[in-house]
Amino acid sequence: MRKVDVVVVGAGQAGLATSYYLTRRGIEHTVLERGDIPGDSWRSRRWDSFMLNGPNFSFDLPGYPYDGPEPDAFMARDEIVSRFGTYATRIAAPVQTQTAVLHLERAADGRYRATTTSGEIEARAVVVATGAYQKRHRPPQTIDPAIVQMHTDQYRNPARLPPGGVLVVGAGQSGCQVVEDLLAAGRPTWVSAGSCGWIPRRYRGQDNVRWRQQMGVFDDTVEQLGHSLRLACPPMQTGVGWDRDINLRTLRAQGATLLGRFLAADGFTATFADDLNQSAARSDEAAVRFRAQVDDFIAANRIDAPTEPPIQPSTGLPEPPTTLDLKANNIATVIWASGFRLDFESWIALPLNTVDGYPEQTQGVSRHAGLYFMGLQLMHTRKSGLIFGVGEDAAHVAQHVETYLSSGASAPIG
């Protein structure tokens, strides 16, 4: 059995940032990545036209700020993956690829034992940095097997779908971007919309990420915001086109057929709520609220910024049917943009006191000595799950790991 002081599970932004700070503290560790390369999920679970939702300047990892020529542009998927590989090399992260952790338990002596696809590993401490997109969520339905079904993380491009129309269930960030990809390829596309909010890509001269950083929005803690916000969908936005907004109104203008919230499906018949305009109004509220916050910030700080006209509302949409015959409309594919759920309890053999899948923890420090979590959405602050935000939590966790190891609570492995 291999033995190491610390095991970090996952080599995405959270795992690599943790590795950076563990190395700086001289702590022996290994980073286990189930994929072929560091940050593999950005390659294997994103579609071909995917672009970073934050501007390039927000690709800011500990010791590796963005240094390219276009800070306000948006990275394509392959550059994102390449930069994670470069980062892992620069910080000499001890990444072991093609190694999935199947089971994690704590022995009577306080050490952790991980069963992996590459054998067993014993560690004094474990940092779980597996990300927020763990288990696909799909509403109950009994769609006919003749219809191809997939989740957004399985979608790659329109050419790999069977001929015919596509129904996308969910109009959050990923769903809207996939819809645009389908429409650009000329695919007839239906969209089942909820009430996910949207925010302007740029407003009064700056990208929304820049404004939110300056206003301190990303520093809001989960205690301030409420734990229920963890399940809210991220705002609709896209990096495709640099300064383009994306919302229900823009999707309709591009040719998408909008439907209400998905209710059920049986055979070739899908049913939807009669709530499209109500959902559109709630979605607009996020944009209106964001603009008001920026306006107040500009006024309070006497910032010289251009003014902009009011937003065009997404409401006033034609009321769609509440029943859709998939076969009659030649819909051959259903893409589920219905989000993900956390899935720790299926492989971590410890009581985690989860609420909606979230383990009990405080800025990554769990109730079990030597067990830590990293990279969860709203784990500590709004930025905990974001590329430019994981460093703050990683530094905190690494400090706790060092204190724990030096306390002798778990005897050194040797």
Protein backbone atom coordinates (compact mmCIF):
# COMPACT_ATOMS: atom_id res chain seq x y z
CA MET A 1 0.00 0.00 0.00
CA ARG A 2 1.35 3.39 -0.99
CA LYS A 3 1.67 5.90 1.87
CA VAL A 4 1.72 9.69 1.70
CA ASP A 5 1.04 12.55 4.11
CA VAL A 6 -1.79 14.17 2.11
CA VAL A 7 -3.98 13.02 -0.76
CA VAL A 8 -5.73 15.66 -2.86
CA VAL A 9 -8.62 14.22 -4.87
CA GLY A 10 -9.03 16.10 -8.14
CA ALA A 11 -6.63 18.13 -10.32
CA GLY A 12 -8.90 20.95 -11.40
CA GLN A 13 -8.52 24.53 -10.22
CA ALA A 14 -9.30 23.65 -6.59
CA GLY A 15 -6.96 20.68 -6.40
CA LEU A 16 -4.08 22.43 -8.15
CA ALA A 17 -4.45 25.56 -6.00
CA THR A 18 -4.35 23.35 -2.91
CA SER A 19 -1.24 21.63 -4.24
CA TYR A 20 0.40 25.03 -4.73
CA TYR A 21 -0.03 25.99 -1.08
CA LEU A 22 0.85 22.53 0.26
CA THR A 23 4.12 22.68 -1.70
CA ARG A 24 4.89 26.15 -0.35
CA ARG A 25 4.51 24.74 3.16
CA GLY A 26 6.73 21.75 2.35
CA ILE A 27 3.94 19.22 2.83
CA GLU A 28 4.31 15.91 1.01
CA HIS A 29 1.23 15.14 -1.06
CA THR A 30 -0.14 13.58 -4.21
CA VAL A 31 -2.94 14.86 -6.44
CA LEU A 32 -5.18 12.16 -7.89
CA GLU A 33 -6.88 12.94 -11.22
CA ARG A 34 -9.35 10.50 -12.71
CA GLY A 35 -8.79 11.87 -16.22
CA ASP A 36 -5.79 11.85 -18.53
CA ILE A 37 -4.47 15.34 -17.76
CA PRO A 38 -4.79 18.03 -15.07
CA GLY A 39 -8.10 19.85 -15.45
CA ASP A 40 -9.40 17.03 -17.63
CA SER A 41 -13.08 17.71 -16.90
CA TRP A 42 -12.76 21.03 -18.77
CA ARG A 43 -11.95 18.98 -21.85
CA SER A 44 -14.04 15.85 -21.41
CA ARG A 45 -17.21 17.48 -20.02
CA ARG A 46 -17.51 20.65 -22.12
CA TRP A 47 -18.80 21.03 -25.67
CA ASP A 48 -16.48 21.92 -28.55
CA SER A 49 -17.48 25.60 -28.82
CA PHE A 50 -17.34 26.19 -25.05
CA MET A 51 -15.68 29.39 -23.90
CA LEU A 52 -14.82 30.62 -20.42
CA ASN A 53 -17.73 32.55 -18.90
CA GLY A 54 -15.40 35.01 -17.20
CA PRO A 55 -12.93 37.22 -19.08
CA ASN A 56 -9.36 36.00 -19.43
CA PHE A 57 -8.18 38.21 -16.56
CA SER A 58 -10.29 36.05 -14.25
CA PHE A 59 -8.14 33.00 -15.06
CA ASP A 60 -6.07 33.85 -12.01
CA LEU A 61 -4.63 30.98 -10.00
CA PRO A 62 -2.16 31.26 -7.07
CA GLY A 63 1.23 32.11 -8.54
CA TYR A 64 -0.17 32.10 -12.07
CA PRO A 65 -2.14 35.23 -13.00
CA TYR A 66 -3.31 35.66 -16.58
CA ASP A 67 -0.36 36.93 -18.61
CA GLY A 68 -1.73 36.84 -22.15
CA PRO A 69 -2.39 39.66 -24.62
CA GLU A 70 -6.19 39.76 -24.36
CA PRO A 71 -7.31 40.15 -20.73
CA ASP A 72 -10.86 41.17 -21.68
CA ALA A 73 -11.42 38.40 -24.24
CA PHE A 74 -12.65 34.89 -23.45
CA MET A 75 -10.68 31.64 -23.65
CA ALA A 76 -11.82 28.74 -25.77
CA ARG A 77 -12.03 25.31 -24.17
CA ASP A 78 -8.69 23.99 -25.46
CA GLU A 79 -6.75 27.01 -24.18
CA ILE A 80 -8.37 26.58 -20.77
CA VAL A 81 -7.19 22.97 -20.65
CA SER A 82 -3.72 23.93 -21.87
CA ARG A 83 -3.36 26.57 -19.16
CA PHE A 84 -4.26 24.07 -16.45
CA GLY A 85 -1.53 21.79 -17.79
CA THR A 86 0.96 24.66 -17.82
CA TYR A 87 0.01 25.60 -14.27
CA ALA A 88 0.47 22.04 -13.01
CA THR A 89 3.94 21.98 -14.58
CA ARG A 90 4.95 25.39 -13.23
CA ILE A 91 4.05 24.55 -9.66
CA ALA A 92 5.44 20.99 -10.01
CA ALA A 93 2.15 19.54 -8.81
CA PRO A 94 2.58 15.81 -8.09
CA VAL A 95 -0.39 14.76 -10.22
CA GLN A 96 -1.18 11.09 -10.75
CA THR A 97 -3.57 10.80 -13.71
CA GLN A 98 -6.01 8.02 -14.62
CA THR A 99 -6.60 7.41 -10.93
CA ALA A 100 -10.18 7.60 -9.69
CA VAL A 101 -10.93 7.31 -5.98
CA LEU A 102 -13.60 4.67 -5.50
CA HIS A 103 -13.81 4.55 -1.70
CA LEU A 104 -12.46 6.59 1.20
CA GLU A 105 -12.54 5.54 4.83
CA ARG A 106 -10.86 6.43 8.07
CA ALA A 107 -9.14 3.70 10.05
CA ALA A 108 -9.08 3.37 13.82
CA ASP A 109 -5.58 4.93 13.93
CA GLY A 110 -6.94 8.13 12.37
CA ARG A 111 -5.36 7.61 8.97
CA TYR A 112 -7.34 7.66 5.78
CA ARG A 113 -7.38 4.82 3.28
CA ALA A 114 -8.35 5.49 -0.31
CA THR A 115 -9.22 2.68 -2.67
CA THR A 116 -8.41 3.86 -6.18
CA THR A 117 -8.32 2.42 -9.67
CA SER A 118 -4.52 2.33 -9.27
CA GLY A 119 -4.46 0.59 -5.90
CA GLU A 120 -4.77 1.61 -2.26
CA ILE A 121 -3.24 4.72 -0.71
CA GLU A 122 -2.90 5.58 2.97
CA ALA A 123 -2.77 9.23 4.02
CA ARG A 124 -2.75 11.29 7.19
CA ALA A 125 -5.07 13.88 5.61
CA VAL A 126 -7.30 14.13 2.53
CA VAL A 127 -8.48 17.17 0.58
CA VAL A 128 -11.53 16.42 -1.57
CA ALA A 129 -11.45 18.76 -4.57
CA THR A 130 -13.77 16.94 -6.96
CA GLY A 131 -15.76 20.02 -7.98
CA ALA A 132 -19.45 20.81 -8.00
CA TYR A 133 -20.52 18.89 -11.11
CA GLN A 134 -20.53 15.35 -9.81
CA LYS A 135 -23.83 13.63 -10.52
CA ARG A 136 -26.15 14.51 -13.40
CA HIS A 137 -29.63 15.54 -12.35
CA ARG A 138 -32.56 14.63 -14.56
CA PRO A 139 -36.27 15.10 -13.78
CA PRO A 140 -38.35 11.89 -13.75
CA GLN A 141 -39.64 11.02 -17.22
CA THR A 142 -40.33 8.05 -19.49
CA ILE A 143 -39.36 9.36 -22.92
CA ASP A 144 -39.50 6.79 -25.70
CA PRO A 145 -36.12 5.06 -26.25
CA ALA A 146 -36.18 6.16 -29.89
CA ILE A 147 -35.34 9.68 -28.66
CA VAL A 148 -31.64 10.18 -27.92
CA GLN A 149 -31.11 11.69 -24.48
CA MET A 150 -27.96 13.27 -23.04
CA HIS A 151 -26.84 15.79 -20.47
CA THR A 152 -25.03 19.02 -21.32
CA ASP A 153 -21.71 17.52 -20.18
CA GLN A 154 -22.17 14.77 -22.79
CA TYR A 155 -22.97 17.13 -25.65
CA ARG A 156 -20.08 17.98 -28.01
CA ASN A 157 -21.47 19.52 -31.22
CA PRO A 158 -24.58 19.43 -33.46
CA ALA A 159 -22.96 17.13 -36.01
CA ARG A 160 -22.76 14.32 -33.47
CA LEU A 161 -26.52 14.38 -32.87
CA PRO A 162 -28.99 12.44 -35.01
CA PRO A 163 -30.74 14.46 -37.74
CA GLY A 164 -33.79 16.42 -36.63
CA GLY A 165 -34.84 18.88 -33.99
CA VAL A 166 -33.57 19.19 -30.42
CA LEU A 167 -35.39 19.87 -27.16
CA VAL A 168 -33.19 21.47 -24.50
CA VAL A 169 -34.66 21.18 -21.02
CA GLY A 170 -33.31 24.00 -18.88
CA ALA A 171 -32.36 27.55 -19.78
CA GLY A 172 -29.57 28.27 -17.35
CA GLN A 173 -26.02 29.16 -18.26
CA SER A 174 -25.10 25.89 -19.95
CA GLY A 175 -28.50 25.31 -21.51
CA CYS A 176 -28.58 28.71 -23.21
CA GLN A 177 -25.07 28.31 -24.59
CA VAL A 178 -25.88 24.88 -26.02
CA VAL A 179 -29.05 26.30 -27.58
CA GLU A 180 -27.01 28.99 -29.33
CA ASP A 181 -24.61 26.34 -30.62
CA LEU A 182 -27.52 24.35 -32.05
CA LEU A 183 -29.17 27.39 -33.62
CA ALA A 184 -25.90 28.46 -35.26
CA ALA A 185 -25.83 25.06 -36.96
CA GLY A 186 -29.38 25.51 -38.23
CA ARG A 187 -30.94 22.94 -35.91
CA PRO A 188 -34.64 23.46 -35.04
CA THR A 189 -34.45 23.95 -31.28
CA TRP A 190 -37.06 24.03 -28.54
CA VAL A 191 -36.15 25.36 -25.08
CA SER A 192 -37.94 24.57 -21.85
CA ALA A 193 -37.24 27.64 -19.73
CA GLY A 194 -37.20 28.18 -16.00
CA SER A 195 -36.59 31.38 -14.11
CA CYS A 196 -32.77 31.48 -14.09
CA GLY A 197 -31.67 35.09 -14.05
CA TRP A 198 -29.44 36.77 -16.60
CA ILE A 199 -27.04 39.68 -16.26
CA PRO A 200 -25.53 41.96 -18.91
CA ARG A 201 -22.19 40.77 -20.24
CA ARG A 202 -20.93 44.36 -20.17
CA TYR A 203 -22.49 47.39 -18.55
CA ARG A 204 -21.37 51.01 -18.42
CA GLY A 205 -17.97 50.28 -19.88
CA GLN A 206 -16.92 47.14 -18.03
CA ASP A 207 -17.52 43.41 -17.96
CA ASN A 208 -19.89 42.30 -15.20
CA VAL A 209 -17.10 40.27 -13.54
CA ARG A 210 -14.96 43.39 -13.20
CA TRP A 211 -17.84 45.33 -11.63
CA ARG A 212 -18.64 42.50 -9.23
CA GLN A 213 -15.01 42.24 -8.17
CA GLN A 214 -14.82 45.98 -7.52
CA MET A 215 -18.08 45.96 -5.55
CA GLY A 216 -16.90 43.04 -3.41
CA VAL A 217 -19.83 40.87 -4.49
CA PHE A 218 -17.68 37.75 -4.77
CA ASP A 219 -16.59 38.14 -1.15
CA ASP A 220 -20.12 37.70 0.22
CA THR A 221 -20.13 34.65 2.49
CA VAL A 222 -22.64 31.84 2.53
CA GLU A 223 -23.67 32.92 6.02
CA GLN A 224 -24.61 36.34 4.63
CA LEU A 225 -26.38 34.97 1.57
CA GLY A 226 -28.11 31.92 2.99
CA HIS A 227 -27.31 28.28 2.30
CA SER A 228 -30.27 27.86 -0.08
CA LEU A 229 -28.49 30.03 -2.66
CA ARG A 230 -26.12 27.12 -3.25
CA LEU A 231 -28.84 25.44 -5.32
CA ALA A 232 -29.66 28.51 -7.39
CA CYS A 233 -28.64 28.47 -11.04
CA PRO A 234 -25.74 30.70 -12.11
CA PRO A 235 -26.79 33.75 -14.17
CA MET A 236 -27.16 33.33 -17.94
CA GLN A 237 -24.10 34.71 -19.71
CA THR A 238 -21.68 33.65 -22.42
CA GLY A 239 -18.14 34.39 -23.50
CA VAL A 240 -18.96 33.77 -27.16
CA GLY A 241 -18.95 37.10 -28.98
CA TRP A 242 -17.12 39.02 -26.22
CA ASP A 243 -19.87 41.55 -25.37
CA ARG A 244 -23.12 39.73 -26.16
CA ASP A 245 -26.02 39.27 -23.77
CA ILE A 246 -27.82 35.95 -23.65
CA ASN A 247 -31.36 35.54 -22.32
CA LEU A 248 -34.77 34.26 -23.36
CA ARG A 249 -35.34 37.27 -25.60
CA THR A 250 -32.08 36.80 -27.50
CA LEU A 251 -32.69 33.06 -27.91
CA ARG A 252 -36.13 33.71 -29.39
CA ALA A 253 -34.64 36.32 -31.75
CA GLN A 254 -32.20 33.66 -32.99
CA GLY A 255 -35.03 31.27 -33.78
CA ALA A 256 -35.49 29.13 -30.67
CA THR A 257 -39.01 28.01 -29.78
CA LEU A 258 -39.55 28.83 -26.12
CA LEU A 259 -41.62 26.63 -23.82
CA GLY A 260 -42.58 26.81 -20.15
CA ARG A 261 -41.01 24.84 -17.33
CA PHE A 262 -40.72 21.09 -17.99
CA LEU A 263 -43.25 19.01 -16.05
CA ALA A 264 -43.20 15.48 -17.41
CA ALA A 265 -42.71 13.31 -20.47
CA ASP A 266 -44.15 9.95 -21.47
CA GLY A 267 -43.43 8.28 -24.77
CA PHE A 268 -43.30 11.01 -27.39
CA THR A 269 -45.35 13.54 -25.41
CA ALA A 270 -43.77 16.19 -23.19
CA THR A 271 -45.75 18.60 -21.02
CA PHE A 272 -44.81 22.03 -19.74
CA ALA A 273 -46.13 24.62 -17.32
CA ASP A 274 -48.03 27.66 -18.55
CA ASP A 275 -45.48 30.03 -17.02
CA LEU A 276 -43.14 31.27 -19.76
CA ASN A 277 -43.77 34.99 -19.30
CA GLN A 278 -43.65 34.71 -15.53
CA SER A 279 -40.28 32.97 -15.83
CA ALA A 280 -39.04 35.62 -18.26
CA ALA A 281 -40.03 38.38 -15.84
CA ARG A 282 -38.19 36.70 -12.95
CA SER A 283 -35.16 36.20 -15.17
CA ASP A 284 -35.09 39.91 -16.04
CA GLU A 285 -35.17 40.81 -12.35
CA ALA A 286 -31.56 39.67 -11.95
CA ALA A 287 -30.41 41.98 -14.77
CA VAL A 288 -32.36 44.93 -13.38
CA ARG A 289 -30.98 44.32 -9.88
CA PHE A 290 -27.39 44.04 -11.15
CA ARG A 291 -27.64 47.28 -13.11
CA ALA A 292 -29.08 49.09 -10.09
CA GLN A 293 -26.20 47.86 -7.91
CA VAL A 294 -23.65 49.08 -10.44
CA ASP A 295 -25.44 52.43 -10.79
CA ASP A 296 -25.38 52.93 -7.02
CA PHE A 297 -21.70 51.94 -6.85
CA ILE A 298 -20.79 54.36 -9.63
CA ALA A 299 -22.69 57.19 -7.98
CA ALA A 300 -21.29 56.51 -4.50
CA ASN A 301 -17.71 56.42 -5.79
CA ARG A 302 -18.11 59.22 -8.34
CA ILE A 303 -16.86 57.02 -11.17
CA ASP A 304 -16.87 58.44 -14.68
CA ALA A 305 -18.76 55.77 -16.64
CA PRO A 306 -21.00 55.99 -19.72
CA THR A 307 -24.75 55.65 -19.27
CA GLU A 308 -26.86 53.04 -21.05
CA PRO A 309 -30.53 52.77 -22.04
CA PRO A 310 -32.91 50.50 -20.07
CA ILE A 311 -32.83 46.78 -20.85
CA GLN A 312 -35.23 45.31 -23.35
CA PRO A 313 -37.59 43.11 -21.33
CA SER A 314 -37.89 39.42 -22.14
CA THR A 315 -41.62 39.46 -21.40
CA GLY A 316 -44.51 39.79 -23.87
CA LEU A 317 -43.64 36.44 -25.40
CA PRO A 318 -46.31 34.45 -27.26
CA GLU A 319 -47.82 31.89 -24.92
CA PRO A 320 -46.49 28.49 -26.04
CA PRO A 321 -48.39 25.20 -25.98
CA THR A 322 -48.17 23.15 -22.81
CA THR A 323 -47.93 19.87 -24.74
CA LEU A 324 -45.29 19.00 -27.32
CA ASP A 325 -45.41 15.95 -29.61
CA LEU A 326 -41.75 15.07 -30.08
CA LYS A 327 -42.38 12.67 -32.96
CA ALA A 328 -44.70 14.99 -34.89
CA ASN A 329 -42.16 17.81 -34.59
CA ASN A 330 -39.28 15.57 -35.71
CA ILE A 331 -37.45 16.05 -32.41
CA ALA A 332 -34.80 13.36 -32.27
CA THR A 333 -32.75 14.52 -29.28
CA VAL A 334 -33.42 15.76 -25.76
CA ILE A 335 -30.54 17.54 -24.03
CA TRP A 336 -30.91 17.86 -20.28
CA ALA A 337 -29.57 21.17 -18.96
CA SER A 338 -31.02 20.40 -15.55
CA GLY A 339 -27.92 20.75 -13.45
CA PHE A 340 -25.89 18.50 -11.21
CA ARG A 341 -25.94 17.25 -7.64
CA LEU A 342 -23.11 16.55 -5.23
CA ASP A 343 -22.31 12.91 -4.59
CA PHE A 344 -19.92 12.45 -1.67
CA GLU A 345 -21.82 9.90 0.39
CA SER A 346 -21.59 7.22 -2.31
CA TRP A 347 -17.81 6.90 -1.85
CA ILE A 348 -16.82 8.61 1.42
CA ALA A 349 -17.54 6.20 4.26
CA LEU A 350 -17.93 8.84 6.96
CA PRO A 351 -20.97 10.70 8.32
CA LEU A 352 -20.80 14.04 6.51
CA ASN A 353 -24.02 15.60 7.81
CA THR A 354 -24.89 16.65 4.28
CA VAL A 355 -27.63 19.15 3.48
CA ASP A 356 -28.67 19.09 -0.18
CA GLY A 357 -25.48 17.12 -0.79
CA TYR A 358 -23.20 19.68 0.85
CA PRO A 359 -20.98 18.23 3.59
CA GLU A 360 -20.78 20.04 6.90
CA GLN A 361 -17.65 22.21 6.74
CA THR A 362 -16.32 25.68 7.49
CA GLN A 363 -14.24 27.15 4.66
CA GLY A 364 -13.26 23.64 3.67
CA VAL A 365 -12.52 22.28 7.14
CA SER A 366 -14.84 19.35 7.85
CA ARG A 367 -16.06 17.88 11.12
CA HIS A 368 -13.58 15.01 10.68
CA ALA A 369 -10.00 15.81 11.65
CA GLY A 370 -7.79 15.63 8.59
CA LEU A 371 -10.61 15.71 6.03
CA TYR A 372 -11.11 18.84 3.94
CA PHE A 373 -13.18 19.99 0.99
CA MET A 374 -12.32 22.45 -1.77
CA GLY A 375 -13.92 24.09 -4.79
CA LEU A 376 -17.61 23.77 -3.96
CA GLN A 377 -19.99 26.45 -5.18
CA LEU A 378 -20.59 28.91 -2.33
CA MET A 379 -18.51 26.72 -0.04
CA HIS A 380 -17.41 29.82 1.84
CA THR A 381 -17.93 32.81 -0.45
CA ARG A 382 -19.44 33.44 -3.88
CA LYS A 383 -16.02 32.88 -5.45
CA SER A 384 -15.20 29.58 -3.73
CA GLY A 385 -15.93 27.54 -6.84
CA LEU A 386 -14.44 29.99 -9.36
CA ILE A 387 -10.98 29.88 -10.90
CA PHE A 388 -9.93 33.22 -9.44
CA GLY A 389 -11.49 32.43 -6.07
CA VAL A 390 -10.18 28.99 -5.12
CA GLY A 391 -6.80 30.31 -3.99
CA GLU A 392 -8.16 32.01 -0.89
CA ASP A 393 -9.81 28.82 0.36
CA ALA A 394 -6.81 26.71 -0.68
CA ALA A 395 -4.46 28.84 1.44
CA HIS A 396 -6.82 28.47 4.40
CA VAL A 397 -7.08 24.69 3.99
CA ALA A 398 -3.33 24.24 3.55
CA GLN A 399 -2.70 26.13 6.79
CA HIS A 400 -5.13 23.87 8.63
CA VAL A 401 -3.52 20.78 7.09
CA GLU A 402 -0.08 21.90 8.30
CA THR A 403 -1.39 22.53 11.82
CA TYR A 404 -3.12 19.16 11.88
CA LEU A 405 -0.06 17.24 10.68
CA SER A 406 2.29 19.01 13.09
CA SER A 407 -0.03 18.34 16.02
CA GLY A 408 0.73 14.66 15.88
CA ALA A 409 -2.99 13.82 15.88
CA SER A 410 -2.18 11.35 13.15
CA ALA A 411 1.31 9.85 13.47
CA PRO A 412 3.71 10.52 10.59
CA ILE A 413 3.73 7.91 7.88
CA GLY A 414 7.08 6.31 7.33
